[in-house]
Amino acid sequence: MPIGTFTAGNGLKGISVTSVMSSYFAPATRLYYAIGACVGLSGGIKVYLKCSSGDPDASKAVSCFFACIFLIVTATILRSFCL
């Protein structure tokens, strides 16, 4: 048998896998947004509590807030590239 018979195909399996993978992006993006909202809310509360108590070291709380922004931006970029 020639080698070409084993590697030849019309690409339908690849197209079906791509459509299945793209169907997961909308729920995954919503999950990222939900996690980002929870992390951002808790980070905002931590920053507010540290600032209102007069604690000068609020850097850990601010990093939690920036993690929220990172999650939201990552989800938006992944969605724009993959859909």
PDB file of N, CA and C in Angstrom:
ATOM      1  N   MET A   1       0.834  -1.195   0.000  1.00  0.00           N
ATOM      2  CA  MET A   1       0.000   0.000   0.000  1.00  0.00           C
ATOM      3  C   MET A   1       0.872   1.249   0.000  1.00  0.00           C
ATOM      4  N   PRO A   2       0.478   2.211  -0.791  1.00  0.00           N
ATOM      5  CA  PRO A   2       1.220   3.478  -0.775  1.00  0.00           C
ATOM      6  C   PRO A   2       0.971   4.242   0.526  1.00  0.00           C
ATOM      7  N   ILE A   3       1.924   5.053   0.883  1.00  0.00           N
ATOM      8  CA  ILE A   3       1.840   5.815   2.136  1.00  0.00           C
ATOM      9  C   ILE A   3       0.710   6.829   2.082  1.00  0.00           C
ATOM     10  N   GLY A   4       0.394   7.346   0.946  1.00  0.00           N
ATOM     11  CA  GLY A   4      -0.638   8.369   0.804  1.00  0.00           C
ATOM     12  C   GLY A   4      -2.019   7.906   1.222  1.00  0.00           C
ATOM     13  N   THR A   5      -2.281   6.613   1.178  1.00  0.00           N
ATOM     14  CA  THR A   5      -3.611   6.138   1.558  1.00  0.00           C
ATOM     15  C   THR A   5      -3.838   6.226   3.051  1.00  0.00           C
ATOM     16  N   PHE A   6      -2.787   6.140   3.827  1.00  0.00           N
ATOM     17  CA  PHE A   6      -2.938   6.237   5.274  1.00  0.00           C
ATOM     18  C   PHE A   6      -3.105   7.682   5.752  1.00  0.00           C
ATOM     19  N   THR A   7      -2.496   8.608   5.059  1.00  0.00           N
ATOM     20  CA  THR A   7      -2.531  10.001   5.508  1.00  0.00           C
ATOM     21  C   THR A   7      -3.583  10.836   4.802  1.00  0.00           C
ATOM     22  N   ALA A   8      -4.213  10.301   3.788  1.00  0.00           N
ATOM     23  CA  ALA A   8      -5.198  11.086   3.050  1.00  0.00           C
ATOM     24  C   ALA A   8      -6.510  11.134   3.823  1.00  0.00           C
ATOM     25  N   GLY A   9      -7.145  12.256   3.783  1.00  0.00           N
ATOM     26  CA  GLY A   9      -8.430  12.424   4.444  1.00  0.00           C
ATOM     27  C   GLY A   9      -9.057  13.731   4.013  1.00  0.00           C
ATOM     28  N   ASN A  10     -10.316  13.883   4.324  1.00  0.00           N
ATOM     29  CA  ASN A  10     -10.998  15.104   3.897  1.00  0.00           C
ATOM     30  C   ASN A  10     -11.073  16.152   5.008  1.00  0.00           C
ATOM     31  N   GLY A  11     -10.576  15.864   6.188  1.00  0.00           N
ATOM     32  CA  GLY A  11     -10.510  16.852   7.255  1.00  0.00           C
ATOM     33  C   GLY A  11     -11.763  17.012   8.066  1.00  0.00           C
ATOM     34  N   LEU A  12     -12.726  16.114   7.915  1.00  0.00           N
ATOM     35  CA  LEU A  12     -13.983  16.254   8.665  1.00  0.00           C
ATOM     36  C   LEU A  12     -13.782  16.041  10.165  1.00  0.00           C
ATOM     37  N   LYS A  13     -12.840  15.170  10.530  1.00  0.00           N
ATOM     38  CA  LYS A  13     -12.588  14.967  11.963  1.00  0.00           C
ATOM     39  C   LYS A  13     -12.013  16.230  12.590  1.00  0.00           C
ATOM     40  N   GLY A  14     -11.139  16.905  11.876  1.00  0.00           N
ATOM     41  CA  GLY A  14     -10.567  18.147  12.389  1.00  0.00           C
ATOM     42  C   GLY A  14     -11.603  19.245  12.525  1.00  0.00           C
ATOM     43  N   ILE A  15     -12.506  19.318  11.571  1.00  0.00           N
ATOM     44  CA  ILE A  15     -13.557  20.333  11.623  1.00  0.00           C
ATOM     45  C   ILE A  15     -14.509  20.059  12.779  1.00  0.00           C
ATOM     46  N   SER A  16     -14.843  18.786  13.008  1.00  0.00           N
ATOM     47  CA  SER A  16     -15.756  18.476  14.112  1.00  0.00           C
ATOM     48  C   SER A  16     -15.106  18.726  15.460  1.00  0.00           C
ATOM     49  N   VAL A  17     -13.808  18.453  15.581  1.00  0.00           N
ATOM     50  CA  VAL A  17     -13.104  18.739  16.834  1.00  0.00           C
ATOM     51  C   VAL A  17     -13.048  20.244  17.079  1.00  0.00           C
ATOM     52  N   THR A  18     -12.831  21.015  16.031  1.00  0.00           N
ATOM     53  CA  THR A  18     -12.786  22.464  16.170  1.00  0.00           C
ATOM     54  C   THR A  18     -14.133  23.014  16.618  1.00  0.00           C
ATOM     55  N   SER A  19     -15.215  22.492  16.081  1.00  0.00           N
ATOM     56  CA  SER A  19     -16.526  22.987  16.489  1.00  0.00           C
ATOM     57  C   SER A  19     -16.851  22.582  17.922  1.00  0.00           C
ATOM     58  N   VAL A  20     -16.402  21.409  18.341  1.00  0.00           N
ATOM     59  CA  VAL A  20     -16.619  20.986  19.729  1.00  0.00           C
ATOM     60  C   VAL A  20     -15.813  21.869  20.680  1.00  0.00           C
ATOM     61  N   MET A  21     -14.563  22.151  20.330  1.00  0.00           N
ATOM     62  CA  MET A  21     -13.724  22.987  21.186  1.00  0.00           C
ATOM     63  C   MET A  21     -14.255  24.417  21.259  1.00  0.00           C
ATOM     64  N   SER A  22     -14.751  24.937  20.146  1.00  0.00           N
ATOM     65  CA  SER A  22     -15.268  26.304  20.180  1.00  0.00           C
ATOM     66  C   SER A  22     -16.579  26.392  20.951  1.00  0.00           C
ATOM     67  N   SER A  23     -17.294  25.281  21.098  1.00  0.00           N
ATOM     68  CA  SER A  23     -18.518  25.308  21.897  1.00  0.00           C
ATOM     69  C   SER A  23     -18.215  25.413  23.389  1.00  0.00           C
ATOM     70  N   TYR A  24     -17.003  25.066  23.806  1.00  0.00           N
ATOM     71  CA  TYR A  24     -16.622  25.172  25.217  1.00  0.00           C
ATOM     72  C   TYR A  24     -16.159  26.573  25.607  1.00  0.00           C
ATOM     73  N   PHE A  25     -15.874  27.436  24.655  1.00  0.00           N
ATOM     74  CA  PHE A  25     -15.309  28.733  24.991  1.00  0.00           C
ATOM     75  C   PHE A  25     -16.306  29.664  25.658  1.00  0.00           C
ATOM     76  N   ALA A  26     -17.553  29.649  25.267  1.00  0.00           N
ATOM     77  CA  ALA A  26     -18.533  30.542  25.899  1.00  0.00           C
ATOM     78  C   ALA A  26     -18.734  30.207  27.376  1.00  0.00           C
ATOM     79  N   PRO A  27     -18.943  28.934  27.764  1.00  0.00           N
ATOM     80  CA  PRO A  27     -19.052  28.649  29.201  1.00  0.00           C
ATOM     81  C   PRO A  27     -17.749  28.881  29.958  1.00  0.00           C
ATOM     82  N   ALA A  28     -16.618  28.604  29.319  1.00  0.00           N
ATOM     83  CA  ALA A  28     -15.336  28.829  29.992  1.00  0.00           C
ATOM     84  C   ALA A  28     -15.096  30.318  30.210  1.00  0.00           C
ATOM     85  N   THR A  29     -15.484  31.141  29.242  1.00  0.00           N
ATOM     86  CA  THR A  29     -15.335  32.582  29.399  1.00  0.00           C
ATOM     87  C   THR A  29     -16.224  33.100  30.519  1.00  0.00           C
ATOM     88  N   ARG A  30     -17.447  32.596  30.584  1.00  0.00           N
ATOM     89  CA  ARG A  30     -18.337  32.999  31.685  1.00  0.00           C
ATOM     90  C   ARG A  30     -17.784  32.566  33.036  1.00  0.00           C
ATOM     91  N   LEU A  31     -17.172  31.395  33.086  1.00  0.00           N
ATOM     92  CA  LEU A  31     -16.558  30.927  34.331  1.00  0.00           C
ATOM     93  C   LEU A  31     -15.402  31.829  34.727  1.00  0.00           C
ATOM     94  N   TYR A  32     -14.554  32.219  33.770  1.00  0.00           N
ATOM     95  CA  TYR A  32     -13.455  33.149  34.059  1.00  0.00           C
ATOM     96  C   TYR A  32     -13.991  34.480  34.566  1.00  0.00           C
ATOM     97  N   TYR A  33     -15.059  34.978  33.942  1.00  0.00           N
ATOM     98  CA  TYR A  33     -15.641  36.240  34.402  1.00  0.00           C
ATOM     99  C   TYR A  33     -16.191  36.109  35.822  1.00  0.00           C
ATOM    100  N   ALA A  34     -16.814  34.991  36.136  1.00  0.00           N
ATOM    101  CA  ALA A  34     -17.363  34.789  37.483  1.00  0.00           C
ATOM    102  C   ALA A  34     -16.242  34.697  38.517  1.00  0.00           C
ATOM    103  N   ILE A  35     -15.187  33.967  38.189  1.00  0.00           N
ATOM    104  CA  ILE A  35     -14.050  33.864  39.115  1.00  0.00           C
ATOM    105  C   ILE A  35     -13.393  35.225  39.276  1.00  0.00           C
ATOM    106  N   GLY A  36     -13.231  35.952  38.169  1.00  0.00           N
ATOM    107  CA  GLY A  36     -12.646  37.289  38.237  1.00  0.00           C
ATOM    108  C   GLY A  36     -13.483  38.241  39.062  1.00  0.00           C
ATOM    109  N   ALA A  37     -14.808  38.124  38.961  1.00  0.00           N
ATOM    110  CA  ALA A  37     -15.680  38.987  39.759  1.00  0.00           C
ATOM    111  C   ALA A  37     -15.549  38.677  41.244  1.00  0.00           C
ATOM    112  N   CYS A  38     -15.489  37.396  41.590  1.00  0.00           N
ATOM    113  CA  CYS A  38     -15.334  37.019  43.003  1.00  0.00           C
ATOM    114  C   CYS A  38     -13.991  37.469  43.560  1.00  0.00           C
ATOM    115  N   VAL A  39     -12.926  37.256  42.788  1.00  0.00           N
ATOM    116  CA  VAL A  39     -11.598  37.678  43.237  1.00  0.00           C
ATOM    117  C   VAL A  39     -11.525  39.198  43.331  1.00  0.00           C
ATOM    118  N   GLY A  40     -12.107  39.897  42.369  1.00  0.00           N
ATOM    119  CA  GLY A  40     -12.097  41.363  42.405  1.00  0.00           C
ATOM    120  C   GLY A  40     -12.900  41.928  43.553  1.00  0.00           C
ATOM    121  N   LEU A  41     -14.040  41.320  43.837  1.00  0.00           N
ATOM    122  CA  LEU A  41     -14.856  41.779  44.958  1.00  0.00           C
ATOM    123  C   LEU A  41     -14.143  41.561  46.285  1.00  0.00           C
ATOM    124  N   SER A  42     -13.556  40.373  46.451  1.00  0.00           N
ATOM    125  CA  SER A  42     -12.837  40.121  47.703  1.00  0.00           C
ATOM    126  C   SER A  42     -11.596  41.003  47.800  1.00  0.00           C
ATOM    127  N   GLY A  43     -10.922  41.249  46.678  1.00  0.00           N
ATOM    128  CA  GLY A  43      -9.755  42.136  46.693  1.00  0.00           C
ATOM    129  C   GLY A  43     -10.138  43.565  47.000  1.00  0.00           C
ATOM    130  N   GLY A  44     -11.242  44.023  46.446  1.00  0.00           N
ATOM    131  CA  GLY A  44     -11.703  45.378  46.743  1.00  0.00           C
ATOM    132  C   GLY A  44     -12.085  45.550  48.203  1.00  0.00           C
ATOM    133  N   ILE A  45     -12.722  44.529  48.765  1.00  0.00           N
ATOM    134  CA  ILE A  45     -13.080  44.587  50.194  1.00  0.00           C
ATOM    135  C   ILE A  45     -11.832  44.588  51.056  1.00  0.00           C
ATOM    136  N   LYS A  46     -10.840  43.769  50.692  1.00  0.00           N
ATOM    137  CA  LYS A  46      -9.585  43.737  51.471  1.00  0.00           C
ATOM    138  C   LYS A  46      -8.866  45.079  51.417  1.00  0.00           C
ATOM    139  N   VAL A  47      -8.816  45.681  50.228  1.00  0.00           N
ATOM    140  CA  VAL A  47      -8.156  46.987  50.095  1.00  0.00           C
ATOM    141  C   VAL A  47      -8.889  48.028  50.923  1.00  0.00           C
ATOM    142  N   TYR A  48     -10.219  48.033  50.861  1.00  0.00           N
ATOM    143  CA  TYR A  48     -10.996  48.993  51.636  1.00  0.00           C
ATOM    144  C   TYR A  48     -10.761  48.802  53.136  1.00  0.00           C
ATOM    145  N   LEU A  49     -10.780  47.556  53.599  1.00  0.00           N
ATOM    146  CA  LEU A  49     -10.581  47.309  55.026  1.00  0.00           C
ATOM    147  C   LEU A  49      -9.179  47.698  55.481  1.00  0.00           C
ATOM    148  N   LYS A  50      -8.176  47.415  54.658  1.00  0.00           N
ATOM    149  CA  LYS A  50      -6.808  47.791  55.036  1.00  0.00           C
ATOM    150  C   LYS A  50      -6.624  49.301  55.037  1.00  0.00           C
ATOM    151  N   CYS A  51      -7.212  49.974  54.063  1.00  0.00           N
ATOM    152  CA  CYS A  51      -7.057  51.430  54.003  1.00  0.00           C
ATOM    153  C   CYS A  51      -7.842  52.121  55.110  1.00  0.00           C
ATOM    154  N   SER A  52      -9.015  51.583  55.433  1.00  0.00           N
ATOM    155  CA  SER A  52      -9.801  52.223  56.480  1.00  0.00           C
ATOM    156  C   SER A  52      -9.243  51.947  57.869  1.00  0.00           C
ATOM    157  N   SER A  53      -8.507  50.856  58.033  1.00  0.00           N
ATOM    158  CA  SER A  53      -7.909  50.583  59.338  1.00  0.00           C
ATOM    159  C   SER A  53      -6.571  51.288  59.508  1.00  0.00           C
ATOM    160  N   GLY A  54      -6.038  51.862  58.435  1.00  0.00           N
ATOM    161  CA  GLY A  54      -4.774  52.589  58.529  1.00  0.00           C
ATOM    162  C   GLY A  54      -3.560  51.714  58.330  1.00  0.00           C
ATOM    163  N   ASP A  55      -3.735  50.513  57.831  1.00  0.00           N
ATOM    164  CA  ASP A  55      -2.612  49.614  57.585  1.00  0.00           C
ATOM    165  C   ASP A  55      -1.828  50.104  56.370  1.00  0.00           C
ATOM    166  N   PRO A  56      -0.539  50.404  56.529  1.00  0.00           N
ATOM    167  CA  PRO A  56       0.214  50.944  55.406  1.00  0.00           C
ATOM    168  C   PRO A  56       0.583  49.888  54.349  1.00  0.00           C
ATOM    169  N   ASP A  57       0.516  48.617  54.705  1.00  0.00           N
ATOM    170  CA  ASP A  57       0.910  47.568  53.764  1.00  0.00           C
ATOM    171  C   ASP A  57      -0.328  46.929  53.141  1.00  0.00           C
ATOM    172  N   ALA A  58      -0.800  47.523  52.086  1.00  0.00           N
ATOM    173  CA  ALA A  58      -1.968  46.995  51.391  1.00  0.00           C
ATOM    174  C   ALA A  58      -1.579  46.358  50.065  1.00  0.00           C
ATOM    175  N   SER A  59      -0.285  46.017  49.918  1.00  0.00           N
ATOM    176  CA  SER A  59       0.192  45.505  48.626  1.00  0.00           C
ATOM    177  C   SER A  59      -0.368  44.120  48.312  1.00  0.00           C
ATOM    178  N   LYS A  60      -0.559  43.266  49.316  1.00  0.00           N
ATOM    179  CA  LYS A  60      -1.129  41.949  49.052  1.00  0.00           C
ATOM    180  C   LYS A  60      -2.583  42.056  48.599  1.00  0.00           C
ATOM    181  N   ALA A  61      -3.302  42.966  49.180  1.00  0.00           N
ATOM    182  CA  ALA A  61      -4.694  43.158  48.793  1.00  0.00           C
ATOM    183  C   ALA A  61      -4.799  43.761  47.401  1.00  0.00           C
ATOM    184  N   VAL A  62      -3.897  44.643  47.059  1.00  0.00           N
ATOM    185  CA  VAL A  62      -3.901  45.246  45.732  1.00  0.00           C
ATOM    186  C   VAL A  62      -3.538  44.203  44.679  1.00  0.00           C
ATOM    187  N   SER A  63      -2.632  43.285  45.008  1.00  0.00           N
ATOM    188  CA  SER A  63      -2.279  42.239  44.048  1.00  0.00           C
ATOM    189  C   SER A  63      -3.466  41.315  43.784  1.00  0.00           C
ATOM    190  N   CYS A  64      -4.309  41.086  44.778  1.00  0.00           N
ATOM    191  CA  CYS A  64      -5.525  40.294  44.582  1.00  0.00           C
ATOM    192  C   CYS A  64      -6.471  41.021  43.639  1.00  0.00           C
ATOM    193  N   PHE A  65      -6.557  42.320  43.746  1.00  0.00           N
ATOM    194  CA  PHE A  65      -7.398  43.115  42.863  1.00  0.00           C
ATOM    195  C   PHE A  65      -6.888  43.071  41.421  1.00  0.00           C
ATOM    196  N   PHE A  66      -5.562  43.144  41.254  1.00  0.00           N
ATOM    197  CA  PHE A  66      -4.996  43.078  39.909  1.00  0.00           C
ATOM    198  C   PHE A  66      -5.110  41.679  39.318  1.00  0.00           C
ATOM    199  N   ALA A  67      -5.195  40.651  40.151  1.00  0.00           N
ATOM    200  CA  ALA A  67      -5.442  39.301  39.649  1.00  0.00           C
ATOM    201  C   ALA A  67      -6.808  39.224  38.988  1.00  0.00           C
ATOM    202  N   CYS A  68      -7.772  39.937  39.526  1.00  0.00           N
ATOM    203  CA  CYS A  68      -9.103  40.012  38.921  1.00  0.00           C
ATOM    204  C   CYS A  68      -9.029  40.628  37.538  1.00  0.00           C
ATOM    205  N   ILE A  69      -8.312  41.697  37.400  1.00  0.00           N
ATOM    206  CA  ILE A  69      -8.175  42.363  36.107  1.00  0.00           C
ATOM    207  C   ILE A  69      -7.475  41.439  35.114  1.00  0.00           C
ATOM    208  N   PHE A  70      -6.451  40.712  35.572  1.00  0.00           N
ATOM    209  CA  PHE A  70      -5.750  39.768  34.714  1.00  0.00           C
ATOM    210  C   PHE A  70      -6.683  38.669  34.222  1.00  0.00           C
ATOM    211  N   LEU A  71      -7.519  38.125  35.103  1.00  0.00           N
ATOM    212  CA  LEU A  71      -8.449  37.072  34.697  1.00  0.00           C
ATOM    213  C   LEU A  71      -9.434  37.566  33.640  1.00  0.00           C
ATOM    214  N   ILE A  72      -9.952  38.746  33.821  1.00  0.00           N
ATOM    215  CA  ILE A  72     -10.927  39.281  32.875  1.00  0.00           C
ATOM    216  C   ILE A  72     -10.284  39.572  31.522  1.00  0.00           C
ATOM    217  N   VAL A  73      -9.098  40.137  31.532  1.00  0.00           N
ATOM    218  CA  VAL A  73      -8.407  40.436  30.274  1.00  0.00           C
ATOM    219  C   VAL A  73      -8.014  39.141  29.566  1.00  0.00           C
ATOM    220  N   THR A  74      -7.550  38.144  30.320  1.00  0.00           N
ATOM    221  CA  THR A  74      -7.183  36.864  29.722  1.00  0.00           C
ATOM    222  C   THR A  74      -8.377  36.191  29.076  1.00  0.00           C
ATOM    223  N   ALA A  75      -9.502  36.190  29.753  1.00  0.00           N
ATOM    224  CA  ALA A  75     -10.706  35.576  29.184  1.00  0.00           C
ATOM    225  C   ALA A  75     -11.148  36.300  27.923  1.00  0.00           C
ATOM    226  N   THR A  76     -11.068  37.602  27.907  1.00  0.00           N
ATOM    227  CA  THR A  76     -11.471  38.372  26.729  1.00  0.00           C
ATOM    228  C   THR A  76     -10.534  38.116  25.558  1.00  0.00           C
ATOM    229  N   ILE A  77      -9.244  38.062  25.815  1.00  0.00           N
ATOM    230  CA  ILE A  77      -8.275  37.828  24.741  1.00  0.00           C
ATOM    231  C   ILE A  77      -8.416  36.414  24.199  1.00  0.00           C
ATOM    232  N   LEU A  78      -8.552  35.425  25.067  1.00  0.00           N
ATOM    233  CA  LEU A  78      -8.731  34.046  24.587  1.00  0.00           C
ATOM    234  C   LEU A  78      -9.987  33.908  23.744  1.00  0.00           C
ATOM    235  N   ARG A  79     -11.040  34.560  24.171  1.00  0.00           N
ATOM    236  CA  ARG A  79     -12.288  34.491  23.403  1.00  0.00           C
ATOM    237  C   ARG A  79     -12.145  35.143  22.041  1.00  0.00           C
ATOM    238  N   SER A  80     -11.441  36.262  21.986  1.00  0.00           N
ATOM    239  CA  SER A  80     -11.284  36.952  20.700  1.00  0.00           C
ATOM    240  C   SER A  80     -10.361  36.195  19.758  1.00  0.00           C
ATOM    241  N   PHE A  81      -9.355  35.495  20.275  1.00  0.00           N
ATOM    242  CA  PHE A  81      -8.456  34.744  19.417  1.00  0.00           C
ATOM    243  C   PHE A  81      -9.066  33.434  18.931  1.00  0.00           C
ATOM    244  N   CYS A  82      -9.832  32.787  19.758  1.00  0.00           N
ATOM    245  CA  CYS A  82     -10.264  31.427  19.459  1.00  0.00           C
ATOM    246  C   CYS A  82     -11.644  31.314  18.840  1.00  0.00           C
ATOM    247  N   LEU A  83     -12.412  32.367  18.814  1.00  0.00           N
ATOM    248  CA  LEU A  83     -13.738  32.262  18.205  1.00  0.00           C
ATOM    249  C   LEU A  83     -13.821  32.965  16.883  1.00  0.00           C
TER     250      LEU A  83
END
